[in-house]
Amino acid sequence: MRTALTTASPAPSPEPSAPTSSVIDDIGLLPVATDAAEGLYRVLDATYAKRSVAISSSHHPGRL
């Protein structure tokens, strides 16, 4: 008795999901203009209630 070889089709890839976190690294490494600081504030304001936010810096907080 012969058995037929069948190959299963791969499952379709799921759609990419929205990011679940935002990471901002080395904040304060370079000086920023007031408009850039305002832009960062707007990004954080728009995301903090919707996903996790992590900010890192190698500087002491008093120096930022």
C-alpha atoms as a PDB file:
ATOM      1  CA  MET A   1       0.000   0.000   0.000  1.00  0.00           C
ATOM      2  CA  ARG A   2       1.354   3.421  -0.901  1.00  0.00           C
ATOM      3  CA  THR A   3       0.906   6.486   1.222  1.00  0.00           C
ATOM      4  CA  ALA A   4       0.762   9.891  -0.313  1.00  0.00           C
ATOM      5  CA  LEU A   5       3.287  12.431   0.887  1.00  0.00           C
ATOM      6  CA  THR A   6       1.651  15.658   1.792  1.00  0.00           C
ATOM      7  CA  THR A   7       3.264  18.823   2.933  1.00  0.00           C
ATOM      8  CA  ALA A   8       1.434  21.175   5.161  1.00  0.00           C
ATOM      9  CA  SER A   9       1.462  24.831   4.228  1.00  0.00           C
ATOM     10  CA  PRO A  10       3.182  27.004   6.800  1.00  0.00           C
ATOM     11  CA  ALA A  11       0.839  29.014   8.937  1.00  0.00           C
ATOM     12  CA  PRO A  12       0.572  32.639   7.856  1.00  0.00           C
ATOM     13  CA  SER A  13       2.745  35.019   9.833  1.00  0.00           C
ATOM     14  CA  PRO A  14       0.804  37.028  12.373  1.00  0.00           C
ATOM     15  CA  GLU A  15       0.540  40.747  11.805  1.00  0.00           C
ATOM     16  CA  PRO A  16       3.180  42.745  13.670  1.00  0.00           C
ATOM     17  CA  SER A  17       1.865  43.988  16.957  1.00  0.00           C
ATOM     18  CA  ALA A  18       2.227  47.451  18.389  1.00  0.00           C
ATOM     19  CA  PRO A  19       5.232  47.990  20.636  1.00  0.00           C
ATOM     20  CA  THR A  20       4.566  47.358  24.304  1.00  0.00           C
ATOM     21  CA  SER A  21       7.371  49.517  25.640  1.00  0.00           C
ATOM     22  CA  SER A  22       9.493  52.544  24.815  1.00  0.00           C
ATOM     23  CA  VAL A  23      13.143  52.758  25.812  1.00  0.00           C
ATOM     24  CA  ILE A  24      15.112  56.000  25.733  1.00  0.00           C
ATOM     25  CA  ASP A  25      18.786  55.373  26.428  1.00  0.00           C
ATOM     26  CA  ASP A  26      21.585  57.792  27.373  1.00  0.00           C
ATOM     27  CA  ILE A  27      19.335  60.769  27.982  1.00  0.00           C
ATOM     28  CA  GLY A  28      21.431  63.807  28.804  1.00  0.00           C
ATOM     29  CA  LEU A  29      24.452  62.530  26.897  1.00  0.00           C
ATOM     30  CA  LEU A  30      24.336  65.580  24.625  1.00  0.00           C
ATOM     31  CA  PRO A  31      22.821  68.989  25.264  1.00  0.00           C
ATOM     32  CA  VAL A  32      19.426  69.516  23.640  1.00  0.00           C
ATOM     33  CA  ALA A  33      17.594  72.615  22.522  1.00  0.00           C
ATOM     34  CA  THR A  34      14.330  73.648  24.134  1.00  0.00           C
ATOM     35  CA  ASP A  35      12.254  72.438  21.175  1.00  0.00           C
ATOM     36  CA  ALA A  36      13.906  68.979  21.353  1.00  0.00           C
ATOM     37  CA  ALA A  37      13.136  68.772  25.080  1.00  0.00           C
ATOM     38  CA  GLU A  38       9.539  69.732  24.328  1.00  0.00           C
ATOM     39  CA  GLY A  39       9.393  66.978  21.705  1.00  0.00           C
ATOM     40  CA  LEU A  40      10.642  64.405  24.223  1.00  0.00           C
ATOM     41  CA  TYR A  41       8.013  65.568  26.705  1.00  0.00           C
ATOM     42  CA  ARG A  42       5.288  65.143  24.068  1.00  0.00           C
ATOM     43  CA  VAL A  43       6.456  61.598  23.258  1.00  0.00           C
ATOM     44  CA  LEU A  44       6.468  60.649  26.942  1.00  0.00           C
ATOM     45  CA  ASP A  45       3.122  62.314  27.557  1.00  0.00           C
ATOM     46  CA  ALA A  46       1.545  60.382  24.676  1.00  0.00           C
ATOM     47  CA  THR A  47       2.978  56.993  25.639  1.00  0.00           C
ATOM     48  CA  TYR A  48       3.245  56.714  29.413  1.00  0.00           C
ATOM     49  CA  ALA A  49      -0.384  55.701  29.970  1.00  0.00           C
ATOM     50  CA  LYS A  50      -0.383  53.228  27.076  1.00  0.00           C
ATOM     51  CA  ARG A  51       2.870  51.311  27.501  1.00  0.00           C
ATOM     52  CA  SER A  52       5.932  50.960  29.677  1.00  0.00           C
ATOM     53  CA  VAL A  53       8.566  53.675  29.401  1.00  0.00           C
ATOM     54  CA  ALA A  54      12.199  53.268  30.488  1.00  0.00           C
ATOM     55  CA  ILE A  55      14.688  56.126  30.484  1.00  0.00           C
ATOM     56  CA  SER A  56      18.357  55.611  31.269  1.00  0.00           C
ATOM     57  CA  SER A  57      21.287  57.928  31.770  1.00  0.00           C
ATOM     58  CA  SER A  58      24.810  57.614  33.054  1.00  0.00           C
ATOM     59  CA  HIS A  59      24.543  61.075  34.609  1.00  0.00           C
ATOM     60  CA  HIS A  60      23.462  61.900  38.143  1.00  0.00           C
ATOM     61  CA  PRO A  61      19.834  63.172  38.120  1.00  0.00           C
ATOM     62  CA  GLY A  62      20.927  66.560  39.480  1.00  0.00           C
ATOM     63  CA  ARG A  63      23.143  67.031  36.451  1.00  0.00           C
ATOM     64  CA  LEU A  64      20.426  66.561  33.811  1.00  0.00           C
END
